Amino acid sequence: MTDLPEILLVPVDGSTNSSAAASYAARMAEKLGVPVRLLFAFPETPLDMFGWPKESDRAEDLKYFSPGGFENLRKESSSKAFAAARERIGQTTASVEEQVITGMPGKAILDHAAGSKGAMIIMGSRGLSKLSEVLMGSTTQRVLHHAKCPVLVIR
């Protein structure tokens, strides 16, 4: 038997499943007396997210390649994801913190968990369509198969 978790890591993306995982984690954290850390994974650069800009790209999309544009997108996206999770959590006595992590989601979550002593990951089952999941695998599948700590998947 393993030790009880010392921190609950909850990747969030604004989806219903990730918000349900955040709510579950907050209730569990109250019972265990441990903190919850909401994680929002975001690519490191615009190139990682969009690839090289092309002449056919709309000016609206190219704004994210400007200085500060990509950082604004990161802030807007993380704020929405954290707000959705906090709304679903509601009132809680658990300590809930928010952290933006950089990189492709699966790898970023795994790297963060590896550096967090006593971590347990609680995450939603998936956010991809079934076809996309078959073709490229889901973040949840990657975390389940490669995490060195306990992982709980919420449906």
C-alpha atoms as a PDB file:
ATOM      1  CA  MET A   1       0.000   0.000   0.000  1.00  0.00           C
ATOM      2  CA  THR A   2       1.269   3.483  -0.841  1.00  0.00           C
ATOM      3  CA  ASP A   3       1.236   6.556   1.346  1.00  0.00           C
ATOM      4  CA  LEU A   4      -1.653   8.991   1.141  1.00  0.00           C
ATOM      5  CA  PRO A   5      -1.110  11.921  -1.220  1.00  0.00           C
ATOM      6  CA  GLU A   6       0.397  15.165   0.050  1.00  0.00           C
ATOM      7  CA  ILE A   7      -0.929  17.248  -2.854  1.00  0.00           C
ATOM      8  CA  LEU A   8      -3.617  16.730  -5.482  1.00  0.00           C
ATOM      9  CA  LEU A   9      -2.670  17.908  -8.973  1.00  0.00           C
ATOM     10  CA  VAL A  10      -5.626  18.648 -11.249  1.00  0.00           C
ATOM     11  CA  PRO A  11      -5.012  19.494 -14.908  1.00  0.00           C
ATOM     12  CA  VAL A  12      -7.784  21.785 -16.150  1.00  0.00           C
ATOM     13  CA  ASP A  13      -8.693  23.011 -19.623  1.00  0.00           C
ATOM     14  CA  GLY A  14     -12.145  24.513 -19.112  1.00  0.00           C
ATOM     15  CA  SER A  15     -13.954  21.309 -20.128  1.00  0.00           C
ATOM     16  CA  THR A  16     -16.786  19.764 -18.136  1.00  0.00           C
ATOM     17  CA  ASN A  17     -14.644  16.709 -17.347  1.00  0.00           C
ATOM     18  CA  SER A  18     -11.709  18.708 -16.010  1.00  0.00           C
ATOM     19  CA  SER A  19     -14.016  20.855 -13.881  1.00  0.00           C
ATOM     20  CA  ALA A  20     -15.664  17.712 -12.474  1.00  0.00           C
ATOM     21  CA  ALA A  21     -12.191  16.414 -11.589  1.00  0.00           C
ATOM     22  CA  ALA A  22     -11.415  19.701  -9.811  1.00  0.00           C
ATOM     23  CA  SER A  23     -14.610  19.445  -7.782  1.00  0.00           C
ATOM     24  CA  TYR A  24     -13.860  15.844  -6.818  1.00  0.00           C
ATOM     25  CA  ALA A  25     -10.293  16.756  -5.876  1.00  0.00           C
ATOM     26  CA  ALA A  26     -11.454  19.615  -3.639  1.00  0.00           C
ATOM     27  CA  ARG A  27     -13.802  17.315  -1.740  1.00  0.00           C
ATOM     28  CA  MET A  28     -11.047  14.718  -1.393  1.00  0.00           C
ATOM     29  CA  ALA A  29      -8.570  17.379  -0.277  1.00  0.00           C
ATOM     30  CA  GLU A  30     -10.941  18.507   2.480  1.00  0.00           C
ATOM     31  CA  LYS A  31     -11.067  14.960   3.849  1.00  0.00           C
ATOM     32  CA  LEU A  32      -7.303  14.376   3.567  1.00  0.00           C
ATOM     33  CA  GLY A  33      -6.224  17.857   4.686  1.00  0.00           C
ATOM     34  CA  VAL A  34      -4.012  18.378   1.622  1.00  0.00           C
ATOM     35  CA  PRO A  35      -3.849  21.196  -0.947  1.00  0.00           C
ATOM     36  CA  VAL A  36      -5.122  21.123  -4.513  1.00  0.00           C
ATOM     37  CA  ARG A  37      -3.060  22.570  -7.345  1.00  0.00           C
ATOM     38  CA  LEU A  38      -4.982  23.329 -10.522  1.00  0.00           C
ATOM     39  CA  LEU A  39      -2.660  23.020 -13.529  1.00  0.00           C
ATOM     40  CA  PHE A  40      -3.164  24.622 -16.904  1.00  0.00           C
ATOM     41  CA  ALA A  41      -0.758  23.377 -19.572  1.00  0.00           C
ATOM     42  CA  PHE A  42      -0.013  25.710 -22.457  1.00  0.00           C
ATOM     43  CA  PRO A  43       2.541  25.462 -25.271  1.00  0.00           C
ATOM     44  CA  GLU A  44       5.784  27.312 -24.714  1.00  0.00           C
ATOM     45  CA  THR A  45       5.787  29.315 -27.950  1.00  0.00           C
ATOM     46  CA  PRO A  46       3.382  30.311 -30.728  1.00  0.00           C
ATOM     47  CA  LEU A  47       5.296  27.986 -33.069  1.00  0.00           C
ATOM     48  CA  ASP A  48       4.555  25.040 -30.756  1.00  0.00           C
ATOM     49  CA  MET A  49       0.873  25.876 -30.856  1.00  0.00           C
ATOM     50  CA  PHE A  50       0.278  27.085 -34.404  1.00  0.00           C
ATOM     51  CA  GLY A  51       3.338  26.070 -36.424  1.00  0.00           C
ATOM     52  CA  TRP A  52       5.006  28.489 -38.817  1.00  0.00           C
ATOM     53  CA  PRO A  53       2.797  31.402 -39.922  1.00  0.00           C
ATOM     54  CA  LYS A  54       1.658  31.244 -43.543  1.00  0.00           C
ATOM     55  CA  GLU A  55       0.523  33.940 -45.926  1.00  0.00           C
ATOM     56  CA  SER A  56      -2.954  32.403 -45.847  1.00  0.00           C
ATOM     57  CA  ASP A  57      -3.274  32.894 -42.069  1.00  0.00           C
ATOM     58  CA  ARG A  58      -5.799  35.515 -41.070  1.00  0.00           C
ATOM     59  CA  ALA A  59      -4.478  38.685 -39.451  1.00  0.00           C
ATOM     60  CA  GLU A  60      -6.571  37.765 -36.406  1.00  0.00           C
ATOM     61  CA  ASP A  61      -4.538  34.574 -35.939  1.00  0.00           C
ATOM     62  CA  LEU A  62      -1.195  36.250 -36.612  1.00  0.00           C
ATOM     63  CA  LYS A  63      -1.654  38.602 -33.654  1.00  0.00           C
ATOM     64  CA  TYR A  64      -0.500  35.774 -31.375  1.00  0.00           C
ATOM     65  CA  PHE A  65       2.959  35.959 -32.971  1.00  0.00           C
ATOM     66  CA  SER A  66       3.369  39.600 -31.930  1.00  0.00           C
ATOM     67  CA  PRO A  67       5.235  40.560 -28.749  1.00  0.00           C
ATOM     68  CA  GLY A  68       2.853  40.044 -25.864  1.00  0.00           C
ATOM     69  CA  GLY A  69       0.150  38.522 -28.071  1.00  0.00           C
ATOM     70  CA  PHE A  70       0.935  34.943 -27.155  1.00  0.00           C
ATOM     71  CA  GLU A  71       1.261  35.823 -23.466  1.00  0.00           C
ATOM     72  CA  ASN A  72      -2.182  37.457 -23.604  1.00  0.00           C
ATOM     73  CA  LEU A  73      -3.618  34.293 -25.155  1.00  0.00           C
ATOM     74  CA  ARG A  74      -1.998  32.218 -22.382  1.00  0.00           C
ATOM     75  CA  LYS A  75      -3.466  34.484 -19.693  1.00  0.00           C
ATOM     76  CA  GLU A  76      -6.953  34.529 -21.257  1.00  0.00           C
ATOM     77  CA  SER A  77      -6.997  30.760 -21.761  1.00  0.00           C
ATOM     78  CA  SER A  78      -5.723  29.930 -18.274  1.00  0.00           C
ATOM     79  CA  SER A  79      -8.108  32.408 -16.642  1.00  0.00           C
ATOM     80  CA  LYS A  80     -11.095  30.769 -18.351  1.00  0.00           C
ATOM     81  CA  ALA A  81      -9.974  27.258 -17.402  1.00  0.00           C
ATOM     82  CA  PHE A  82      -9.278  28.209 -13.773  1.00  0.00           C
ATOM     83  CA  ALA A  83     -12.595  30.104 -13.495  1.00  0.00           C
ATOM     84  CA  ALA A  84     -14.567  27.098 -14.793  1.00  0.00           C
ATOM     85  CA  ALA A  85     -12.839  24.799 -12.305  1.00  0.00           C
ATOM     86  CA  ARG A  86     -13.329  27.185  -9.363  1.00  0.00           C
ATOM     87  CA  GLU A  87     -16.999  27.641 -10.244  1.00  0.00           C
ATOM     88  CA  ARG A  88     -17.517  23.876 -10.209  1.00  0.00           C
ATOM     89  CA  ILE A  89     -15.561  23.533  -6.941  1.00  0.00           C
ATOM     90  CA  GLY A  90     -17.706  26.143  -5.212  1.00  0.00           C
ATOM     91  CA  GLN A  91     -17.106  26.753  -1.515  1.00  0.00           C
ATOM     92  CA  THR A  92     -14.329  24.642  -0.050  1.00  0.00           C
ATOM     93  CA  THR A  93     -12.101  24.644   2.986  1.00  0.00           C
ATOM     94  CA  ALA A  94      -9.294  23.066   0.931  1.00  0.00           C
ATOM     95  CA  SER A  95      -6.365  25.192  -0.147  1.00  0.00           C
ATOM     96  CA  VAL A  96      -6.635  25.610  -3.931  1.00  0.00           C
ATOM     97  CA  GLU A  97      -3.816  27.156  -5.933  1.00  0.00           C
ATOM     98  CA  GLU A  98      -3.427  27.743  -9.665  1.00  0.00           C
ATOM     99  CA  GLN A  99      -0.333  27.214 -11.774  1.00  0.00           C
ATOM    100  CA  VAL A 100       0.312  27.576 -15.494  1.00  0.00           C
ATOM    101  CA  ILE A 101       2.806  25.012 -16.768  1.00  0.00           C
ATOM    102  CA  THR A 102       4.432  25.153 -20.184  1.00  0.00           C
ATOM    103  CA  GLY A 103       4.769  22.502 -22.831  1.00  0.00           C
ATOM    104  CA  MET A 104       2.569  19.959 -24.502  1.00  0.00           C
ATOM    105  CA  PRO A 105      -0.054  18.942 -21.910  1.00  0.00           C
ATOM    106  CA  GLY A 106       0.832  15.271 -21.331  1.00  0.00           C
ATOM    107  CA  LYS A 107       4.544  15.871 -20.942  1.00  0.00           C
ATOM    108  CA  ALA A 108       4.083  19.071 -18.916  1.00  0.00           C
ATOM    109  CA  ILE A 109       1.743  17.316 -16.456  1.00  0.00           C
ATOM    110  CA  LEU A 110       4.091  14.354 -16.081  1.00  0.00           C
ATOM    111  CA  ASP A 111       7.119  16.602 -15.564  1.00  0.00           C
ATOM    112  CA  HIS A 112       5.283  18.694 -12.971  1.00  0.00           C
ATOM    113  CA  ALA A 113       4.068  15.615 -11.097  1.00  0.00           C
ATOM    114  CA  ALA A 114       7.576  14.136 -11.091  1.00  0.00           C
ATOM    115  CA  GLY A 115       8.815  17.262  -9.318  1.00  0.00           C
ATOM    116  CA  SER A 116       5.984  17.337  -6.756  1.00  0.00           C
ATOM    117  CA  LYS A 117       6.619  15.233  -3.652  1.00  0.00           C
ATOM    118  CA  GLY A 118       3.656  13.072  -2.650  1.00  0.00           C
ATOM    119  CA  ALA A 119       1.586  14.011  -5.701  1.00  0.00           C
ATOM    120  CA  MET A 120      -1.591  12.371  -6.913  1.00  0.00           C
ATOM    121  CA  ILE A 121      -3.078  13.413 -10.251  1.00  0.00           C
ATOM    122  CA  ILE A 122      -6.854  13.709 -10.581  1.00  0.00           C
ATOM    123  CA  MET A 123      -8.039  14.437 -14.094  1.00  0.00           C
ATOM    124  CA  GLY A 124     -11.007  14.247 -16.418  1.00  0.00           C
ATOM    125  CA  SER A 125     -11.399  11.236 -18.674  1.00  0.00           C
ATOM    126  CA  ARG A 126     -10.866  13.081 -21.978  1.00  0.00           C
ATOM    127  CA  GLY A 127     -11.517  16.177 -23.987  1.00  0.00           C
ATOM    128  CA  LEU A 128     -10.782  14.811 -27.460  1.00  0.00           C
ATOM    129  CA  SER A 129     -13.211  13.214 -29.862  1.00  0.00           C
ATOM    130  CA  LYS A 130     -13.008   9.439 -30.134  1.00  0.00           C
ATOM    131  CA  LEU A 131     -11.419   9.640 -33.614  1.00  0.00           C
ATOM    132  CA  SER A 132      -8.732  12.088 -32.473  1.00  0.00           C
ATOM    133  CA  GLU A 133      -8.048   9.933 -29.435  1.00  0.00           C
ATOM    134  CA  VAL A 134      -7.482   6.861 -31.610  1.00  0.00           C
ATOM    135  CA  LEU A 135      -5.202   8.745 -34.008  1.00  0.00           C
ATOM    136  CA  MET A 136      -3.028  10.631 -31.550  1.00  0.00           C
ATOM    137  CA  GLY A 137      -3.857   9.395 -28.050  1.00  0.00           C
ATOM    138  CA  SER A 138      -5.243  11.544 -25.310  1.00  0.00           C
ATOM    139  CA  THR A 139      -3.496  13.493 -22.609  1.00  0.00           C
ATOM    140  CA  THR A 140      -5.250  11.318 -20.041  1.00  0.00           C
ATOM    141  CA  GLN A 141      -3.983   8.131 -21.694  1.00  0.00           C
ATOM    142  CA  ARG A 142      -0.427   9.467 -21.767  1.00  0.00           C
ATOM    143  CA  VAL A 143      -0.550  10.450 -18.101  1.00  0.00           C
ATOM    144  CA  LEU A 144      -2.091   7.106 -17.085  1.00  0.00           C
ATOM    145  CA  HIS A 145       0.607   5.140 -18.865  1.00  0.00           C
ATOM    146  CA  HIS A 146       3.623   7.186 -17.816  1.00  0.00           C
ATOM    147  CA  ALA A 147       2.933   8.753 -14.397  1.00  0.00           C
ATOM    148  CA  LYS A 148       5.110   7.617 -11.512  1.00  0.00           C
ATOM    149  CA  CYS A 149       2.443   8.656  -8.998  1.00  0.00           C
ATOM    150  CA  PRO A 150      -1.200   7.601  -8.476  1.00  0.00           C
ATOM    151  CA  VAL A 151      -3.680   8.846 -11.104  1.00  0.00           C
ATOM    152  CA  LEU A 152      -7.441   9.011 -10.628  1.00  0.00           C
ATOM    153  CA  VAL A 153      -9.600   9.560 -13.705  1.00  0.00           C
ATOM    154  CA  ILE A 154     -13.032  11.162 -13.273  1.00  0.00           C
ATOM    155  CA  ARG A 155     -15.824  10.622 -15.812  1.00  0.00           C
END
